[in-house]
């Protein structure tokens, strides 16, 4: 009886979230459309353009947060056998274009390994979303106007399984101390204003876990200021689709 009640409650929550996210996404799209009209209009002064660009970034980030909740709910219900292989290189290139578009008021450069054309991982569309969230989360930790992010790929074998480690580095990111000193979930109770900047990091950790992998945050250089940040995501390699 209790199990059925819990299942019904979860179904109602999922239904409510679907309705809410649909409404939020529609409103975001409408606002984004108006902002893009402003930016495309002639004679817009520099200050107005700057604030409109910042608003575009916030709207697009909000849209990603809503999509993340939906993606987590869907992926949680999927069996590992249902997760189709994803070409991580294609996902990286797509995420690079998207993050540049999301932050028009900043110069974001993303370095991607150029000698690899294909690297399949278990993850379906969730892996692509994960890559984009890695970039967005790192940009949100970096106050610089010009940001250079670098992806590195390496293969590891553990207990007979082949894994891919995707490392994202940013030498000018300001990583909150709590991000490395405590579980990310606990950061919300420590300081919610800082924790808000880390919501994307929490998503990456949760999604990597759902895909059977792992996620780690650490400083890039403990001898410099800023110390920079490193995200290390481990995903299971996949065979041919």
Protein backbone atom coordinates (compact mmCIF):
# COMPACT_ATOMS: atom_id res chain seq x y z
CA UNK A 1 0.00 0.00 0.00
CA UNK A 2 2.76 2.42 0.96
CA UNK A 3 4.66 1.51 -2.22
CA UNK A 4 1.62 2.31 -4.37
CA UNK A 5 1.08 5.60 -2.54
CA UNK A 6 4.73 6.58 -3.11
CA UNK A 7 4.46 5.65 -6.79
CA UNK A 8 1.27 7.69 -7.22
CA UNK A 9 2.86 10.68 -5.49
CA UNK A 10 5.87 10.44 -7.76
CA UNK A 11 3.68 10.23 -10.84
CA UNK A 12 1.76 13.31 -9.75
CA UNK A 13 5.02 15.15 -9.12
CA UNK A 14 6.32 14.16 -12.56
CA UNK A 15 3.08 15.35 -14.17
CA UNK A 16 3.24 18.66 -12.30
CA UNK A 17 6.88 19.17 -13.27
CA UNK A 18 6.05 18.48 -16.91
CA UNK A 19 3.31 21.11 -16.90
CA UNK A 20 5.44 23.62 -15.01
CA UNK A 21 8.50 23.14 -17.19
CA UNK A 22 6.43 23.46 -20.35
CA UNK A 23 5.02 26.78 -19.13
CA UNK A 24 8.41 28.10 -18.01
CA UNK A 25 10.09 27.10 -21.27
CA UNK A 26 7.37 28.80 -23.31
CA UNK A 27 7.75 32.01 -21.29
CA UNK A 28 11.53 31.87 -21.57
CA UNK A 29 11.29 31.46 -25.34
CA UNK A 30 8.98 34.47 -25.61
CA UNK A 31 11.28 36.69 -23.53
CA UNK A 32 14.30 35.47 -25.48
CA UNK A 33 12.57 36.35 -28.73
CA UNK A 34 11.94 39.93 -27.60
CA UNK A 35 15.53 40.31 -26.41
CA UNK A 36 16.87 39.07 -29.73
CA UNK A 37 14.66 41.58 -31.54
CA UNK A 38 16.20 44.34 -29.40
CA UNK A 39 19.73 43.14 -30.18
CA UNK A 40 18.95 42.92 -33.90
CA UNK A 41 17.46 46.42 -34.06
CA UNK A 42 19.58 49.25 -35.39
CA UNK A 43 20.56 52.18 -33.21
CA UNK A 44 20.70 50.26 -29.93
CA UNK A 45 23.18 52.01 -27.66
CA UNK A 46 26.11 50.15 -26.11
CA UNK A 47 24.71 50.07 -22.58
CA UNK A 48 21.31 48.73 -23.65
CA UNK A 49 22.98 46.08 -25.78
CA UNK A 50 25.17 45.00 -22.86
CA UNK A 51 22.22 44.55 -20.49
CA UNK A 52 20.17 42.77 -23.16
CA UNK A 53 23.04 40.34 -23.74
CA UNK A 54 23.27 39.62 -20.01
CA UNK A 55 19.51 39.00 -19.93
CA UNK A 56 19.87 36.54 -22.83
CA UNK A 57 22.49 34.61 -20.85
CA UNK A 58 20.22 34.40 -17.79
CA UNK A 59 17.22 33.25 -19.83
CA UNK A 60 19.20 30.55 -21.62
CA UNK A 61 20.71 29.36 -18.33
CA UNK A 62 17.22 29.20 -16.81
CA UNK A 63 16.04 27.11 -19.75
CA UNK A 64 18.90 24.66 -19.25
CA UNK A 65 18.05 24.30 -15.54
CA UNK A 66 14.46 23.35 -16.38
CA UNK A 67 15.62 20.91 -19.05
CA UNK A 68 18.02 19.38 -16.54
CA UNK A 69 15.23 18.47 -14.13
CA UNK A 70 13.27 16.81 -16.92
CA UNK A 71 16.33 14.94 -18.16
CA UNK A 72 17.18 13.66 -14.67
CA UNK A 73 13.67 12.33 -14.18
CA UNK A 74 13.66 10.56 -17.55
CA UNK A 75 17.16 9.09 -17.20
CA UNK A 76 16.46 7.84 -13.68
CA UNK A 77 13.66 5.66 -15.04
CA UNK A 78 15.76 4.20 -17.86
CA UNK A 79 17.58 0.88 -17.74
CA UNK A 80 21.25 0.96 -18.76
CA UNK A 81 20.39 -1.20 -21.79
CA UNK A 82 18.13 1.59 -23.06
CA UNK A 83 20.95 4.14 -23.17
CA UNK A 84 22.22 4.40 -26.74
CA UNK A 85 25.89 5.17 -27.52
CA UNK A 86 26.74 8.85 -27.92
CA UNK A 87 29.68 10.23 -29.87
CA UNK A 88 31.29 12.42 -27.24
CA UNK A 89 33.29 14.38 -29.82
CA UNK A 90 30.11 15.46 -31.59
CA UNK A 91 28.64 16.41 -28.20
CA UNK A 92 31.73 18.49 -27.37
CA UNK A 93 31.57 20.43 -30.63
CA UNK A 94 27.84 21.04 -30.25
CA UNK A 95 28.28 22.20 -26.63
CA UNK A 96 31.08 24.55 -27.67
CA UNK A 97 28.81 26.33 -30.16
CA UNK A 98 25.96 26.50 -27.66
CA UNK A 99 27.95 27.91 -24.73
CA UNK A 100 29.40 30.66 -26.94
CA UNK A 101 25.85 31.55 -28.02
CA UNK A 102 24.64 31.50 -24.41
CA UNK A 103 27.13 34.13 -23.24
CA UNK A 104 27.22 36.77 -26.00
CA UNK A 105 28.56 39.38 -23.58
CA UNK A 106 31.73 37.36 -22.90
CA UNK A 107 34.47 35.90 -25.07
CA UNK A 108 34.40 32.15 -24.43
CA UNK A 109 36.98 29.92 -26.13
CA UNK A 110 36.71 26.15 -25.83
CA UNK A 111 39.65 23.92 -26.76
CA UNK A 112 38.67 20.42 -27.91
CA UNK A 113 41.02 17.54 -28.82
CA UNK A 114 41.34 17.80 -32.60
CA UNK A 115 42.93 14.44 -33.44
CA UNK A 116 39.93 12.36 -32.32
CA UNK A 117 36.83 12.14 -34.52
CA UNK A 118 34.83 9.56 -32.59
CA UNK A 119 34.60 8.45 -28.97
CA UNK A 120 31.47 6.52 -28.02
CA UNK A 121 30.14 6.54 -24.46
CA UNK A 122 27.01 5.17 -22.79
CA UNK A 123 24.64 8.04 -22.32
CA UNK A 124 22.17 8.76 -25.11
CA UNK A 125 21.11 12.44 -25.15
CA UNK A 126 21.88 12.71 -21.44
CA UNK A 127 25.62 12.61 -22.17
CA UNK A 128 25.28 15.56 -24.54
CA UNK A 129 23.38 17.54 -21.90
CA UNK A 130 26.05 16.65 -19.37
CA UNK A 131 28.82 18.08 -21.57
CA UNK A 132 26.94 21.36 -22.04
CA UNK A 133 26.37 21.64 -18.30
CA UNK A 134 30.07 21.15 -17.66
CA UNK A 135 30.82 24.20 -19.80
CA UNK A 136 28.00 26.35 -18.44
CA UNK A 137 28.91 25.51 -14.84
CA UNK A 138 32.54 26.41 -15.41
CA UNK A 139 31.69 29.73 -17.07
CA UNK A 140 29.47 30.62 -14.11
CA UNK A 141 32.46 30.14 -11.80
CA UNK A 142 34.66 32.44 -13.87
CA UNK A 143 34.20 36.23 -13.50
CA UNK A 144 36.53 37.00 -16.44
CA UNK A 145 35.30 38.70 -19.59
CA UNK A 146 37.55 36.43 -21.67
CA UNK A 147 37.46 32.75 -20.72
CA UNK A 148 39.49 29.86 -22.11
CA UNK A 149 38.29 26.35 -21.31
CA UNK A 150 40.12 23.18 -22.31
CA UNK A 151 38.82 19.63 -22.64
CA UNK A 152 41.17 16.66 -22.28
CA UNK A 153 40.34 13.01 -22.96
CA UNK A 154 41.94 9.87 -21.57
CA UNK A 155 40.99 6.20 -21.47
CA UNK A 156 41.21 4.02 -18.37
CA UNK A 157 40.41 0.39 -17.65
CA UNK A 158 39.06 -0.65 -14.25
CA UNK A 159 37.94 -4.17 -13.31
CA UNK A 160 37.62 -5.25 -16.90
CA UNK A 161 35.58 -2.24 -18.01
CA UNK A 162 36.78 0.55 -20.31
CA UNK A 163 36.07 4.10 -19.22
CA UNK A 164 36.58 7.54 -20.69
CA UNK A 165 37.74 10.40 -18.49
CA UNK A 166 36.69 13.81 -19.73
CA UNK A 167 38.59 16.61 -18.00
CA UNK A 168 37.58 20.27 -18.25
CA UNK A 169 40.08 22.89 -17.05
CA UNK A 170 39.74 26.63 -16.47
CA UNK A 171 42.77 28.45 -14.98
CA UNK A 172 40.81 31.60 -14.12
CA UNK A 173 37.73 30.05 -12.48
CA UNK A 174 37.02 30.94 -8.84
CA UNK A 175 35.89 27.68 -7.31
CA UNK A 176 34.02 28.05 -4.01
CA UNK A 177 35.90 26.37 -1.17
CA UNK A 178 32.83 24.38 -0.25
CA UNK A 179 32.80 22.76 -3.70
CA UNK A 180 35.89 20.75 -2.84
CA UNK A 181 35.64 20.50 0.94
CA UNK A 182 32.17 18.99 1.26
CA UNK A 183 29.55 17.09 -0.71
CA UNK A 184 27.92 19.48 -3.16
CA UNK A 185 24.48 18.69 -1.73
CA UNK A 186 25.58 20.00 1.70
CA UNK A 187 26.67 23.32 0.21
CA UNK A 188 23.04 24.42 0.01
CA UNK A 189 22.76 24.36 3.78
CA UNK A 190 26.10 26.12 4.19
CA UNK A 191 25.57 29.13 1.90
CA UNK A 192 22.67 29.18 -0.54
CA UNK A 193 23.96 32.26 -2.42
CA UNK A 194 27.13 30.39 -3.39
CA UNK A 195 25.34 27.09 -3.81
CA UNK A 196 23.15 28.60 -6.54
CA UNK A 197 26.27 28.95 -8.70
CA UNK A 198 26.90 25.25 -8.16
CA UNK A 199 23.54 23.87 -9.23
CA UNK A 200 24.96 22.87 -12.60
CA UNK A 201 27.82 21.06 -10.87
CA UNK A 202 25.31 19.12 -8.78
CA UNK A 203 23.46 18.17 -11.98
CA UNK A 204 26.69 16.91 -13.54
CA UNK A 205 27.41 14.80 -10.47
CA UNK A 206 23.92 13.32 -10.41
CA UNK A 207 23.76 12.65 -14.15
CA UNK A 208 27.22 11.06 -14.29
CA UNK A 209 26.10 8.75 -11.49
CA UNK A 210 22.88 7.82 -13.30
CA UNK A 211 24.94 6.94 -16.37
CA UNK A 212 27.06 4.61 -14.27
CA UNK A 213 30.07 6.91 -14.10
CA UNK A 214 31.47 9.50 -11.71
CA UNK A 215 32.24 13.18 -11.28
CA UNK A 216 34.93 15.06 -9.36
CA UNK A 217 35.72 18.73 -8.71
CA UNK A 218 39.17 19.97 -7.74
CA UNK A 219 41.51 22.95 -7.94
CA UNK A 220 43.73 23.30 -10.98
CA UNK A 221 46.67 24.93 -9.21
CA UNK A 222 46.92 25.38 -5.44
CA UNK A 223 49.96 27.66 -5.73
CA UNK A 224 48.37 30.43 -7.81
CA UNK A 225 45.52 32.91 -7.50
CA UNK A 226 42.97 32.31 -8.80
CA UNK A 227 43.52 28.61 -8.32
CA UNK A 228 41.35 27.64 -11.27
CA UNK A 229 39.08 24.63 -11.42
CA UNK A 230 38.98 21.15 -12.90
CA UNK A 231 35.93 18.96 -13.57
CA UNK A 232 36.68 15.27 -14.14
CA UNK A 233 33.81 13.21 -15.55
CA UNK A 234 34.08 9.45 -15.97
CA UNK A 235 31.78 7.72 -18.44
CA UNK A 236 31.53 4.12 -19.60
CA UNK A 237 32.79 3.54 -23.12
CA UNK A 238 30.27 2.08 -25.54
CA UNK A 239 30.54 -0.21 -28.53
CA UNK A 240 29.23 0.52 -31.99
CA UNK A 241 25.59 1.66 -32.11
